[in-house]
Amino acid sequence: QVQLVESGGGLVQPGGSLRLSCAASGSIFSINAMAWYRQAPGKERELVAAETSGGSANYADSVKGRFTISRDNARNTVYLQVNSLKPEDTAVYYCNVRISTEIGTGDYWGQGTQVTVSS
């Protein structure tokens, strides 16, 4: 069974930075595609960053140049570096990771981590 545990969120002033982590545990063969979503109060969940199994990354226009998605395969961990934060970045951030295990490949979600940008 695979579990994803997120960490790294918090309260930060505008212009600040955070690094969000999403650590996978279990009988993992490989991490394939990965993505980060966010959901602000009263809004739908939106995709902010994604990386394919081939390593091609894509970002929402609202975060381009400020957010960076990455991974550490040795630690089975994916990251989202968020810089130059704005109040409109306030949301719960969720990782979504496609993982191959001994029983097959599936998509897994983290529990979410709150990012609040406020002075």
C-alpha atoms as a PDB file:
ATOM      1  CA  GLN A   1       0.000   0.000   0.000  1.00  0.00           C
ATOM      2  CA  VAL A   2       1.275   3.452  -0.929  1.00  0.00           C
ATOM      3  CA  GLN A   3       0.949   6.522   1.267  1.00  0.00           C
ATOM      4  CA  LEU A   4       1.804  10.118   0.455  1.00  0.00           C
ATOM      5  CA  VAL A   5       2.628  12.530   3.264  1.00  0.00           C
ATOM      6  CA  GLU A   6       2.888  16.226   2.558  1.00  0.00           C
ATOM      7  CA  SER A   7       4.771  18.842   4.533  1.00  0.00           C
ATOM      8  CA  GLY A   8       6.268  22.300   4.199  1.00  0.00           C
ATOM      9  CA  GLY A   9       3.243  24.545   4.194  1.00  0.00           C
ATOM     10  CA  GLY A  10       2.804  27.484   6.513  1.00  0.00           C
ATOM     11  CA  LEU A  11       2.227  31.189   6.939  1.00  0.00           C
ATOM     12  CA  VAL A  12       4.542  33.394   4.895  1.00  0.00           C
ATOM     13  CA  GLN A  13       4.671  37.061   4.024  1.00  0.00           C
ATOM     14  CA  PRO A  14       4.186  38.237   0.451  1.00  0.00           C
ATOM     15  CA  GLY A  15       7.395  37.747  -1.495  1.00  0.00           C
ATOM     16  CA  GLY A  16       8.434  34.832   0.669  1.00  0.00           C
ATOM     17  CA  SER A  17       9.247  31.253  -0.263  1.00  0.00           C
ATOM     18  CA  LEU A  18       8.405  27.733   0.834  1.00  0.00           C
ATOM     19  CA  ARG A  19       9.340  24.252  -0.269  1.00  0.00           C
ATOM     20  CA  LEU A  20       6.483  21.784  -0.236  1.00  0.00           C
ATOM     21  CA  SER A  21       7.357  18.102   0.049  1.00  0.00           C
ATOM     22  CA  CYS A  22       5.390  14.980  -0.783  1.00  0.00           C
ATOM     23  CA  ALA A  23       7.008  11.791   0.491  1.00  0.00           C
ATOM     24  CA  ALA A  24       5.826   8.432  -0.780  1.00  0.00           C
ATOM     25  CA  SER A  25       6.172   5.246   1.241  1.00  0.00           C
ATOM     26  CA  GLY A  26       5.313   1.618   0.600  1.00  0.00           C
ATOM     27  CA  SER A  27       6.346  -0.980  -1.932  1.00  0.00           C
ATOM     28  CA  ILE A  28       7.299   1.493  -4.631  1.00  0.00           C
ATOM     29  CA  PHE A  29       8.978   0.511  -7.857  1.00  0.00           C
ATOM     30  CA  SER A  30       9.059   3.959  -9.393  1.00  0.00           C
ATOM     31  CA  ILE A  31       7.507   7.402  -9.394  1.00  0.00           C
ATOM     32  CA  ASN A  32       6.232   8.221 -12.856  1.00  0.00           C
ATOM     33  CA  ALA A  33       4.291  11.411 -13.506  1.00  0.00           C
ATOM     34  CA  MET A  34       3.674  13.905 -10.722  1.00  0.00           C
ATOM     35  CA  ALA A  35       1.673  17.041 -10.192  1.00  0.00           C
ATOM     36  CA  TRP A  36       0.721  19.668  -7.662  1.00  0.00           C
ATOM     37  CA  TYR A  37      -2.780  21.098  -7.363  1.00  0.00           C
ATOM     38  CA  ARG A  38      -4.197  23.761  -5.103  1.00  0.00           C
ATOM     39  CA  GLN A  39      -7.628  24.672  -3.842  1.00  0.00           C
ATOM     40  CA  ALA A  40      -8.494  28.039  -2.406  1.00  0.00           C
ATOM     41  CA  PRO A  41     -11.619  28.594  -0.273  1.00  0.00           C
ATOM     42  CA  GLY A  42     -14.719  28.693  -2.434  1.00  0.00           C
ATOM     43  CA  LYS A  43     -12.803  27.736  -5.571  1.00  0.00           C
ATOM     44  CA  GLU A  44     -12.285  24.573  -7.554  1.00  0.00           C
ATOM     45  CA  ARG A  45      -9.072  22.589  -7.331  1.00  0.00           C
ATOM     46  CA  GLU A  46      -6.637  23.759 -10.000  1.00  0.00           C
ATOM     47  CA  LEU A  47      -3.482  22.293 -11.483  1.00  0.00           C
ATOM     48  CA  VAL A  48      -0.427  24.451 -10.814  1.00  0.00           C
ATOM     49  CA  ALA A  49       2.494  22.269 -11.909  1.00  0.00           C
ATOM     50  CA  ALA A  50       3.039  18.882 -13.498  1.00  0.00           C
ATOM     51  CA  GLU A  51       5.909  16.791 -14.739  1.00  0.00           C
ATOM     52  CA  THR A  52       5.535  13.836 -17.089  1.00  0.00           C
ATOM     53  CA  SER A  53       7.411  10.560 -16.766  1.00  0.00           C
ATOM     54  CA  GLY A  54       9.722  11.884 -19.469  1.00  0.00           C
ATOM     55  CA  GLY A  55      10.676  14.892 -17.360  1.00  0.00           C
ATOM     56  CA  SER A  56       8.704  17.557 -19.208  1.00  0.00           C
ATOM     57  CA  ALA A  57       7.329  20.160 -16.789  1.00  0.00           C
ATOM     58  CA  ASN A  58       4.345  22.427 -17.269  1.00  0.00           C
ATOM     59  CA  TYR A  59       3.030  25.234 -15.113  1.00  0.00           C
ATOM     60  CA  ALA A  60      -0.113  27.275 -14.796  1.00  0.00           C
ATOM     61  CA  ASP A  61       0.345  30.752 -16.213  1.00  0.00           C
ATOM     62  CA  SER A  62      -0.255  32.266 -12.785  1.00  0.00           C
ATOM     63  CA  VAL A  63       2.820  30.545 -11.299  1.00  0.00           C
ATOM     64  CA  LYS A  64       5.274  30.406 -14.203  1.00  0.00           C
ATOM     65  CA  GLY A  65       8.676  31.680 -13.209  1.00  0.00           C
ATOM     66  CA  ARG A  66       7.845  31.446  -9.500  1.00  0.00           C
ATOM     67  CA  PHE A  67       7.113  27.734  -8.843  1.00  0.00           C
ATOM     68  CA  THR A  68       9.345  24.771  -9.643  1.00  0.00           C
ATOM     69  CA  ILE A  69       8.393  21.104  -9.524  1.00  0.00           C
ATOM     70  CA  SER A  70      11.098  18.526  -8.880  1.00  0.00           C
ATOM     71  CA  ARG A  71      11.707  15.064  -7.475  1.00  0.00           C
ATOM     72  CA  ASP A  72      14.247  12.999  -5.548  1.00  0.00           C
ATOM     73  CA  ASN A  73      13.868   9.440  -6.777  1.00  0.00           C
ATOM     74  CA  ALA A  74      16.196   8.062  -4.095  1.00  0.00           C
ATOM     75  CA  ARG A  75      13.882   9.450  -1.411  1.00  0.00           C
ATOM     76  CA  ASN A  76      10.635   8.824  -3.327  1.00  0.00           C
ATOM     77  CA  THR A  77       9.812  12.462  -2.731  1.00  0.00           C
ATOM     78  CA  VAL A  78       8.446  15.177  -4.960  1.00  0.00           C
ATOM     79  CA  TYR A  79       8.782  18.868  -4.259  1.00  0.00           C
ATOM     80  CA  LEU A  80       7.228  22.173  -5.168  1.00  0.00           C
ATOM     81  CA  GLN A  81       9.442  25.185  -4.616  1.00  0.00           C
ATOM     82  CA  VAL A  82       7.241  28.249  -4.363  1.00  0.00           C
ATOM     83  CA  ASN A  83       8.894  31.662  -4.569  1.00  0.00           C
ATOM     84  CA  SER A  84       7.723  35.259  -4.727  1.00  0.00           C
ATOM     85  CA  LEU A  85       4.508  34.263  -3.052  1.00  0.00           C
ATOM     86  CA  LYS A  86       1.410  36.406  -3.429  1.00  0.00           C
ATOM     87  CA  PRO A  87      -1.749  36.539  -1.312  1.00  0.00           C
ATOM     88  CA  GLU A  88      -3.637  34.894  -4.184  1.00  0.00           C
ATOM     89  CA  ASP A  89      -1.397  31.837  -3.806  1.00  0.00           C
ATOM     90  CA  THR A  90      -3.131  31.105  -0.499  1.00  0.00           C
ATOM     91  CA  ALA A  91      -4.659  27.637  -0.762  1.00  0.00           C
ATOM     92  CA  VAL A  92      -4.367  24.031   0.299  1.00  0.00           C
ATOM     93  CA  TYR A  93      -1.772  22.380  -1.914  1.00  0.00           C
ATOM     94  CA  TYR A  94      -2.098  18.707  -2.885  1.00  0.00           C
ATOM     95  CA  CYS A  95       0.383  16.416  -4.570  1.00  0.00           C
ATOM     96  CA  ASN A  96      -0.781  13.801  -7.039  1.00  0.00           C
ATOM     97  CA  VAL A  97       1.712  11.129  -8.010  1.00  0.00           C
ATOM     98  CA  ARG A  98       1.547   8.218 -10.410  1.00  0.00           C
ATOM     99  CA  ILE A  99       3.399   5.340  -8.788  1.00  0.00           C
ATOM    100  CA  SER A 100       4.264   1.861  -9.962  1.00  0.00           C
ATOM    101  CA  THR A 101       4.170  -0.910  -7.389  1.00  0.00           C
ATOM    102  CA  GLU A 102       4.308  -4.690  -7.504  1.00  0.00           C
ATOM    103  CA  ILE A 103       0.564  -4.819  -8.141  1.00  0.00           C
ATOM    104  CA  GLY A 104       0.395  -2.159 -10.821  1.00  0.00           C
ATOM    105  CA  THR A 105       0.341   1.579 -11.443  1.00  0.00           C
ATOM    106  CA  GLY A 106      -1.994   4.034  -9.787  1.00  0.00           C
ATOM    107  CA  ASP A 107      -2.528   7.687  -8.963  1.00  0.00           C
ATOM    108  CA  TYR A 108      -2.209   8.707  -5.322  1.00  0.00           C
ATOM    109  CA  TRP A 109      -3.061  11.926  -3.472  1.00  0.00           C
ATOM    110  CA  GLY A 110      -1.396  13.592  -0.525  1.00  0.00           C
ATOM    111  CA  GLN A 111      -3.433  14.862   2.394  1.00  0.00           C
ATOM    112  CA  GLY A 112      -2.851  18.513   1.546  1.00  0.00           C
ATOM    113  CA  THR A 113      -0.739  21.233   3.126  1.00  0.00           C
ATOM    114  CA  GLN A 114      -1.972  24.757   3.833  1.00  0.00           C
ATOM    115  CA  VAL A 115      -0.100  27.717   2.387  1.00  0.00           C
ATOM    116  CA  THR A 116      -1.181  31.129   3.656  1.00  0.00           C
ATOM    117  CA  VAL A 117       0.369  34.285   2.244  1.00  0.00           C
ATOM    118  CA  SER A 118      -0.361  37.313   4.370  1.00  0.00           C
ATOM    119  CA  SER A 119       1.360  40.299   5.911  1.00  0.00           C
END
